């Protein structure tokens, strides 16, 4: 199992990359929405998932 963080805006891009690069024919790609978190954690998560595009 691989855990990765991304924004909703980049979710499809990450999924496409995983499916393209993974050796399995049908790798599992799932998303878990963060409903609540400490303010420091949520602030950090927002900072690390900002698109560089």
PDB file of N, CA and C in Angstrom:
ATOM      1  N   UNK A   1       0.843  -1.175   0.000  1.00  0.00           N
ATOM      2  CA  UNK A   1       0.000   0.000   0.000  1.00  0.00           C
ATOM      3  C   UNK A   1       0.884   1.232   0.000  1.00  0.00           C
ATOM      4  N   UNK A   2       0.532   2.162  -0.823  1.00  0.00           N
ATOM      5  CA  UNK A   2       1.258   3.422  -0.934  1.00  0.00           C
ATOM      6  C   UNK A   2       0.324   4.539  -0.511  1.00  0.00           C
ATOM      7  N   UNK A   3       0.766   5.381   0.356  1.00  0.00           N
ATOM      8  CA  UNK A   3      -0.009   6.555   0.739  1.00  0.00           C
ATOM      9  C   UNK A   3       0.611   7.773   0.084  1.00  0.00           C
ATOM     10  N   UNK A   4      -0.206   8.604  -0.484  1.00  0.00           N
ATOM     11  CA  UNK A   4       0.290   9.815  -1.129  1.00  0.00           C
ATOM     12  C   UNK A   4      -0.711  10.930  -0.893  1.00  0.00           C
ATOM     13  N   UNK A   5      -0.228  12.127  -0.851  1.00  0.00           N
ATOM     14  CA  UNK A   5      -1.088  13.289  -0.639  1.00  0.00           C
ATOM     15  C   UNK A   5      -1.181  14.084  -1.927  1.00  0.00           C
ATOM     16  N   UNK A   6      -2.382  14.487  -2.267  1.00  0.00           N
ATOM     17  CA  UNK A   6      -2.572  15.382  -3.395  1.00  0.00           C
ATOM     18  C   UNK A   6      -3.865  16.151  -3.177  1.00  0.00           C
ATOM     19  N   UNK A   7      -4.083  17.133  -3.995  1.00  0.00           N
ATOM     20  CA  UNK A   7      -5.317  17.917  -3.917  1.00  0.00           C
ATOM     21  C   UNK A   7      -6.366  17.301  -4.835  1.00  0.00           C
ATOM     22  N   UNK A   8      -7.615  17.668  -4.635  1.00  0.00           N
ATOM     23  CA  UNK A   8      -8.679  17.191  -5.524  1.00  0.00           C
ATOM     24  C   UNK A   8      -8.392  17.579  -6.963  1.00  0.00           C
ATOM     25  N   UNK A   9      -7.815  18.756  -7.152  1.00  0.00           N
ATOM     26  CA  UNK A   9      -7.539  19.249  -8.500  1.00  0.00           C
ATOM     27  C   UNK A   9      -6.523  18.374  -9.234  1.00  0.00           C
ATOM     28  N   UNK A  10      -5.636  17.700  -8.501  1.00  0.00           N
ATOM     29  CA  UNK A  10      -4.593  16.899  -9.137  1.00  0.00           C
ATOM     30  C   UNK A  10      -4.817  15.405  -8.989  1.00  0.00           C
ATOM     31  N   UNK A  11      -5.955  15.020  -8.430  1.00  0.00           N
ATOM     32  CA  UNK A  11      -6.250  13.621  -8.176  1.00  0.00           C
ATOM     33  C   UNK A  11      -6.231  12.784  -9.457  1.00  0.00           C
ATOM     34  N   UNK A  12      -6.863  13.261 -10.501  1.00  0.00           N
ATOM     35  CA  UNK A  12      -6.918  12.514 -11.770  1.00  0.00           C
ATOM     36  C   UNK A  12      -5.523  12.357 -12.372  1.00  0.00           C
ATOM     37  N   UNK A  13      -4.706  13.388 -12.246  1.00  0.00           N
ATOM     38  CA  UNK A  13      -3.334  13.339 -12.760  1.00  0.00           C
ATOM     39  C   UNK A  13      -2.515  12.276 -12.017  1.00  0.00           C
ATOM     40  N   UNK A  14      -2.648  12.220 -10.702  1.00  0.00           N
ATOM     41  CA  UNK A  14      -1.937  11.219  -9.914  1.00  0.00           C
ATOM     42  C   UNK A  14      -2.415   9.810 -10.261  1.00  0.00           C
ATOM     43  N   UNK A  15      -3.725   9.642 -10.378  1.00  0.00           N
ATOM     44  CA  UNK A  15      -4.269   8.327 -10.729  1.00  0.00           C
ATOM     45  C   UNK A  15      -3.736   7.859 -12.084  1.00  0.00           C
ATOM     46  N   UNK A  16      -3.742   8.736 -13.057  1.00  0.00           N
ATOM     47  CA  UNK A  16      -3.251   8.371 -14.390  1.00  0.00           C
ATOM     48  C   UNK A  16      -1.783   7.959 -14.332  1.00  0.00           C
ATOM     49  N   UNK A  17      -1.007   8.663 -13.551  1.00  0.00           N
ATOM     50  CA  UNK A  17       0.415   8.327 -13.422  1.00  0.00           C
ATOM     51  C   UNK A  17       0.596   6.952 -12.778  1.00  0.00           C
ATOM     52  N   UNK A  18      -0.141   6.690 -11.716  1.00  0.00           N
ATOM     53  CA  UNK A  18      -0.038   5.398 -11.036  1.00  0.00           C
ATOM     54  C   UNK A  18      -0.427   4.265 -11.985  1.00  0.00           C
ATOM     55  N   UNK A  19      -1.546   4.409 -12.664  1.00  0.00           N
ATOM     56  CA  UNK A  19      -2.019   3.363 -13.580  1.00  0.00           C
ATOM     57  C   UNK A  19      -1.012   3.135 -14.704  1.00  0.00           C
ATOM     58  N   UNK A  20      -0.434   4.205 -15.213  1.00  0.00           N
ATOM     59  CA  UNK A  20       0.530   4.092 -16.312  1.00  0.00           C
ATOM     60  C   UNK A  20       1.834   3.424 -15.863  1.00  0.00           C
ATOM     61  N   UNK A  21       2.294   3.737 -14.683  1.00  0.00           N
ATOM     62  CA  UNK A  21       3.604   3.273 -14.230  1.00  0.00           C
ATOM     63  C   UNK A  21       3.589   1.957 -13.461  1.00  0.00           C
ATOM     64  N   UNK A  22       2.455   1.581 -12.933  1.00  0.00           N
ATOM     65  CA  UNK A  22       2.383   0.396 -12.075  1.00  0.00           C
ATOM     66  C   UNK A  22       2.450  -0.877 -12.915  1.00  0.00           C
ATOM     67  N   UNK A  23       3.161  -1.889 -12.431  1.00  0.00           N
ATOM     68  CA  UNK A  23       3.287  -3.120 -13.219  1.00  0.00           C
ATOM     69  C   UNK A  23       2.019  -3.976 -13.262  1.00  0.00           C
ATOM     70  N   UNK A  24       1.098  -3.778 -12.373  1.00  0.00           N
ATOM     71  CA  UNK A  24      -0.137  -4.568 -12.380  1.00  0.00           C
ATOM     72  C   UNK A  24      -1.085  -4.042 -13.453  1.00  0.00           C
ATOM     73  N   UNK A  25      -1.937  -4.923 -13.953  1.00  0.00           N
ATOM     74  CA  UNK A  25      -2.928  -4.514 -14.950  1.00  0.00           C
ATOM     75  C   UNK A  25      -3.986  -3.588 -14.353  1.00  0.00           C
ATOM     76  N   UNK A  26      -4.311  -3.811 -13.098  1.00  0.00           N
ATOM     77  CA  UNK A  26      -5.360  -3.021 -12.464  1.00  0.00           C
ATOM     78  C   UNK A  26      -4.953  -2.661 -11.025  1.00  0.00           C
ATOM     79  N   UNK A  27      -4.043  -1.689 -10.858  1.00  0.00           N
ATOM     80  CA  UNK A  27      -3.659  -1.303  -9.504  1.00  0.00           C
ATOM     81  C   UNK A  27      -4.819  -0.599  -8.788  1.00  0.00           C
ATOM     82  N   UNK A  28      -4.885  -0.794  -7.491  1.00  0.00           N
ATOM     83  CA  UNK A  28      -5.927  -0.100  -6.722  1.00  0.00           C
ATOM     84  C   UNK A  28      -5.522   1.352  -6.551  1.00  0.00           C
ATOM     85  N   UNK A  29      -6.439   2.230  -6.888  1.00  0.00           N
ATOM     86  CA  UNK A  29      -6.260   3.656  -6.648  1.00  0.00           C
ATOM     87  C   UNK A  29      -7.519   4.107  -5.927  1.00  0.00           C
ATOM     88  N   UNK A  30      -7.347   4.593  -4.720  1.00  0.00           N
ATOM     89  CA  UNK A  30      -8.505   5.050  -3.957  1.00  0.00           C
ATOM     90  C   UNK A  30      -8.159   6.370  -3.271  1.00  0.00           C
ATOM     91  N   UNK A  31      -9.184   7.085  -2.864  1.00  0.00           N
ATOM     92  CA  UNK A  31      -8.989   8.380  -2.214  1.00  0.00           C
ATOM     93  C   UNK A  31      -9.748   8.402  -0.891  1.00  0.00           C
ATOM     94  N   UNK A  32      -9.150   9.066   0.061  1.00  0.00           N
ATOM     95  CA  UNK A  32      -9.770   9.242   1.369  1.00  0.00           C
ATOM     96  C   UNK A  32      -9.810  10.739   1.649  1.00  0.00           C
ATOM     97  N   UNK A  33     -10.995  11.254   1.837  1.00  0.00           N
ATOM     98  CA  UNK A  33     -11.154  12.679   2.107  1.00  0.00           C
ATOM     99  C   UNK A  33     -10.851  12.965   3.573  1.00  0.00           C
ATOM    100  N   UNK A  34     -10.060  13.997   3.805  1.00  0.00           N
ATOM    101  CA  UNK A  34      -9.764  14.430   5.167  1.00  0.00           C
ATOM    102  C   UNK A  34     -10.942  15.264   5.659  1.00  0.00           C
ATOM    103  N   UNK A  35     -11.627  14.774   6.656  1.00  0.00           N
ATOM    104  CA  UNK A  35     -12.802  15.454   7.192  1.00  0.00           C
ATOM    105  C   UNK A  35     -12.401  16.441   8.277  1.00  0.00           C
ATOM    106  N   UNK A  36     -11.419  16.042   9.073  1.00  0.00           N
ATOM    107  CA  UNK A  36     -10.995  16.904  10.171  1.00  0.00           C
ATOM    108  C   UNK A  36      -9.535  16.613  10.476  1.00  0.00           C
ATOM    109  N   UNK A  37      -8.822  17.624  10.947  1.00  0.00           N
ATOM    110  CA  UNK A  37      -7.432  17.457  11.343  1.00  0.00           C
ATOM    111  C   UNK A  37      -6.987  18.645  12.166  1.00  0.00           C
ATOM    112  N   UNK A  38      -5.882  18.492  12.855  1.00  0.00           N
ATOM    113  CA  UNK A  38      -5.372  19.617  13.638  1.00  0.00           C
ATOM    114  C   UNK A  38      -5.019  20.766  12.696  1.00  0.00           C
ATOM    115  N   UNK A  39      -5.130  21.964  13.169  1.00  0.00           N
ATOM    116  CA  UNK A  39      -4.888  23.130  12.311  1.00  0.00           C
ATOM    117  C   UNK A  39      -3.467  23.125  11.755  1.00  0.00           C
ATOM    118  N   UNK A  40      -2.476  22.726  12.555  1.00  0.00           N
ATOM    119  CA  UNK A  40      -1.096  22.673  12.064  1.00  0.00           C
ATOM    120  C   UNK A  40      -0.949  21.639  10.948  1.00  0.00           C
ATOM    121  N   UNK A  41      -1.563  20.473  11.127  1.00  0.00           N
ATOM    122  CA  UNK A  41      -1.479  19.425  10.114  1.00  0.00           C
ATOM    123  C   UNK A  41      -2.170  19.853   8.822  1.00  0.00           C
ATOM    124  N   UNK A  42      -3.350  20.411   8.932  1.00  0.00           N
ATOM    125  CA  UNK A  42      -4.093  20.838   7.741  1.00  0.00           C
ATOM    126  C   UNK A  42      -3.325  21.935   7.009  1.00  0.00           C
ATOM    127  N   UNK A  43      -2.734  22.863   7.734  1.00  0.00           N
ATOM    128  CA  UNK A  43      -1.938  23.934   7.118  1.00  0.00           C
ATOM    129  C   UNK A  43      -0.737  23.330   6.380  1.00  0.00           C
ATOM    130  N   UNK A  44      -0.051  22.365   7.008  1.00  0.00           N
ATOM    131  CA  UNK A  44       1.077  21.701   6.364  1.00  0.00           C
ATOM    132  C   UNK A  44       0.623  20.973   5.104  1.00  0.00           C
ATOM    133  N   UNK A  45      -0.497  20.247   5.206  1.00  0.00           N
ATOM    134  CA  UNK A  45      -0.999  19.489   4.067  1.00  0.00           C
ATOM    135  C   UNK A  45      -1.336  20.419   2.899  1.00  0.00           C
ATOM    136  N   UNK A  46      -1.929  21.546   3.195  1.00  0.00           N
ATOM    137  CA  UNK A  46      -2.221  22.513   2.131  1.00  0.00           C
ATOM    138  C   UNK A  46      -0.950  23.011   1.479  1.00  0.00           C
ATOM    139  N   UNK A  47       0.088  23.233   2.261  1.00  0.00           N
ATOM    140  CA  UNK A  47       1.357  23.740   1.720  1.00  0.00           C
ATOM    141  C   UNK A  47       2.039  22.714   0.818  1.00  0.00           C
ATOM    142  N   UNK A  48       2.015  21.440   1.198  1.00  0.00           N
ATOM    143  CA  UNK A  48       2.731  20.435   0.414  1.00  0.00           C
ATOM    144  C   UNK A  48       1.952  19.937  -0.797  1.00  0.00           C
ATOM    145  N   UNK A  49       0.679  20.302  -0.906  1.00  0.00           N
ATOM    146  CA  UNK A  49      -0.100  19.846  -2.052  1.00  0.00           C
ATOM    147  C   UNK A  49      -0.425  20.988  -3.011  1.00  0.00           C
ATOM    148  N   UNK A  50       0.186  22.128  -2.825  1.00  0.00           N
ATOM    149  CA  UNK A  50      -0.031  23.250  -3.745  1.00  0.00           C
ATOM    150  C   UNK A  50       0.580  22.896  -5.097  1.00  0.00           C
ATOM    151  N   UNK A  51      -0.194  23.077  -6.148  1.00  0.00           N
ATOM    152  CA  UNK A  51       0.274  22.767  -7.495  1.00  0.00           C
ATOM    153  C   UNK A  51       1.407  23.715  -7.892  1.00  0.00           C
ATOM    154  N   UNK A  52       2.428  23.140  -8.489  1.00  0.00           N
ATOM    155  CA  UNK A  52       3.537  23.962  -8.986  1.00  0.00           C
ATOM    156  C   UNK A  52       3.292  24.396 -10.415  1.00  0.00           C
ATOM    157  N   UNK A  53       2.144  24.058 -10.964  1.00  0.00           N
ATOM    158  CA  UNK A  53       1.842  24.406 -12.363  1.00  0.00           C
ATOM    159  C   UNK A  53       1.566  25.878 -12.520  1.00  0.00           C
TER     160      UNK A  53
END
